[in-house]
Amino acid sequence: MPNWRNPKTGQVEDLAECCRCGFCCLSVTCELAQVKYGISEHAPCPELSFDASGRATCGLVWSCGPAAVGVGCGCCISARCYKDGRVYNFADLPADVKFQVAGLARRSRTAAVEVA
């Protein structure tokens, strides 16, 4: 299982494996794409695409390598999802639920998700 050092706490934390739902890229455009296209972090990324099954693909991964955009590092997005008055940490959700949330975000761009 991958891990990372939380910049807020300094603690090393385990990460859920990346399931390629695309939610992180839908939430914030990476610095590499911002520089390449001259767009803001909240602009839709021209390099992000989805296959028929809903799996996300990043064009920058193919041209610059996975490490350049953080792909394969694991799910560490600081997002909370809300359902029926309960709060859920996005990174801890099962992969199928992540795909549902990402699909909602793709369709509406106003999903009930708050990114910290």
Protein backbone atom coordinates (compact mmCIF):
# COMPACT_ATOMS: atom_id res chain seq x y z
CA MET A 1 0.00 0.00 0.00
CA PRO A 2 1.44 3.42 -0.91
CA ASN A 3 1.95 6.10 1.72
CA TRP A 4 2.71 9.80 1.94
CA ARG A 5 3.69 12.42 4.49
CA ASN A 6 0.72 14.61 5.36
CA PRO A 7 1.99 18.20 5.05
CA LYS A 8 -0.46 19.42 7.71
CA THR A 9 0.45 16.90 10.41
CA GLY A 10 3.87 15.62 9.30
CA GLN A 11 2.60 12.06 9.86
CA VAL A 12 3.15 9.27 7.34
CA GLU A 13 -0.24 7.90 6.29
CA ASP A 14 -1.29 4.90 4.21
CA LEU A 15 -3.10 5.70 0.99
CA ALA A 16 -5.81 3.83 -0.83
CA GLU A 17 -4.71 2.54 -4.22
CA CYS A 18 -5.63 4.79 -7.15
CA CYS A 19 -8.70 3.42 -8.93
CA ARG A 20 -8.52 5.93 -11.84
CA CYS A 21 -11.89 7.48 -11.06
CA GLY A 22 -10.54 10.92 -12.10
CA PHE A 23 -12.03 12.84 -9.21
CA CYS A 24 -8.75 14.48 -8.20
CA CYS A 25 -8.23 15.80 -11.74
CA LEU A 26 -11.83 16.97 -11.93
CA SER A 27 -11.37 18.85 -8.65
CA VAL A 28 -8.06 20.58 -9.33
CA THR A 29 -6.06 20.80 -12.54
CA CYS A 30 -2.42 19.89 -11.89
CA GLU A 31 0.33 22.50 -12.11
CA LEU A 32 1.79 20.85 -15.20
CA ALA A 33 -1.45 21.30 -17.17
CA GLN A 34 -1.90 24.81 -15.78
CA VAL A 35 1.50 25.83 -17.13
CA LYS A 36 1.19 23.95 -20.43
CA TYR A 37 -2.23 25.42 -21.27
CA GLY A 38 -2.16 28.68 -19.32
CA ILE A 39 -5.30 27.73 -17.38
CA SER A 40 -6.34 28.05 -13.74
CA GLU A 41 -6.43 25.18 -11.28
CA HIS A 42 -10.23 25.11 -11.55
CA ALA A 43 -10.40 25.06 -15.35
CA PRO A 44 -11.27 21.74 -17.01
CA CYS A 45 -8.09 19.91 -17.98
CA PRO A 46 -7.72 19.33 -21.74
CA GLU A 47 -5.56 16.25 -21.03
CA LEU A 48 -8.20 14.42 -18.96
CA SER A 49 -10.36 11.89 -20.74
CA PHE A 50 -12.52 8.93 -19.76
CA ASP A 51 -12.99 5.58 -21.48
CA ALA A 52 -16.32 3.81 -21.92
CA SER A 53 -16.06 2.23 -18.46
CA GLY A 54 -15.45 5.62 -16.79
CA ARG A 55 -11.75 5.12 -16.09
CA ALA A 56 -9.76 8.34 -16.23
CA THR A 57 -6.76 8.77 -18.51
CA CYS A 58 -4.29 11.66 -18.43
CA GLY A 59 -2.56 12.62 -21.66
CA LEU A 60 0.31 14.15 -19.67
CA VAL A 61 1.12 10.75 -18.18
CA TRP A 62 1.96 9.49 -21.65
CA SER A 63 4.07 12.51 -22.61
CA CYS A 64 5.70 13.43 -19.26
CA GLY A 65 5.49 10.27 -17.16
CA PRO A 66 3.31 9.34 -14.17
CA ALA A 67 5.57 10.95 -11.55
CA ALA A 68 5.17 14.36 -13.20
CA VAL A 69 1.48 14.50 -12.28
CA GLY A 70 1.43 12.23 -9.23
CA VAL A 71 -0.30 9.30 -10.87
CA GLY A 72 0.22 6.04 -9.04
CA CYS A 73 0.93 7.72 -5.72
CA GLY A 74 -2.38 6.57 -4.28
CA CYS A 75 -5.55 8.37 -3.29
CA CYS A 76 -4.82 11.20 -0.87
CA ILE A 77 -7.38 13.78 -2.00
CA SER A 78 -8.67 15.87 0.89
CA ALA A 79 -12.32 15.82 -0.06
CA ARG A 80 -15.45 15.15 1.87
CA CYS A 81 -18.63 13.69 0.41
CA TYR A 82 -22.00 14.21 1.98
CA LYS A 83 -24.93 11.82 1.86
CA ASP A 84 -28.00 11.74 4.07
CA GLY A 85 -26.39 14.13 6.54
CA ARG A 86 -23.24 12.02 6.96
CA VAL A 87 -19.75 13.11 5.98
CA TYR A 88 -17.39 10.68 4.24
CA ASN A 89 -13.68 11.05 3.47
CA PHE A 90 -13.41 10.54 -0.29
CA ALA A 91 -10.06 8.72 -0.13
CA ASP A 92 -11.57 6.05 2.14
CA LEU A 93 -14.56 5.27 -0.09
CA PRO A 94 -14.71 1.98 -2.04
CA ALA A 95 -13.69 2.26 -5.70
CA ASP A 96 -17.24 1.79 -7.02
CA VAL A 97 -18.48 4.72 -4.92
CA LYS A 98 -15.55 6.87 -6.08
CA PHE A 99 -16.60 6.20 -9.68
CA GLN A 100 -20.17 7.23 -8.85
CA VAL A 101 -19.03 10.50 -7.23
CA ALA A 102 -16.61 11.25 -10.08
CA GLY A 103 -19.35 10.54 -12.61
CA LEU A 104 -21.66 12.95 -10.83
CA ALA A 105 -18.91 15.59 -10.80
CA ARG A 106 -18.29 15.06 -14.52
CA ARG A 107 -21.97 15.50 -15.33
CA SER A 108 -22.76 18.43 -13.10
CA ARG A 109 -19.45 20.06 -12.09
CA THR A 110 -21.45 21.06 -8.99
CA ALA A 111 -21.40 17.78 -7.06
CA ALA A 112 -21.92 18.10 -3.32
CA VAL A 113 -18.23 17.72 -2.64
CA GLU A 114 -15.97 20.11 -0.78
CA VAL A 115 -12.27 20.08 -1.54
CA ALA A 116 -10.07 21.21 1.34
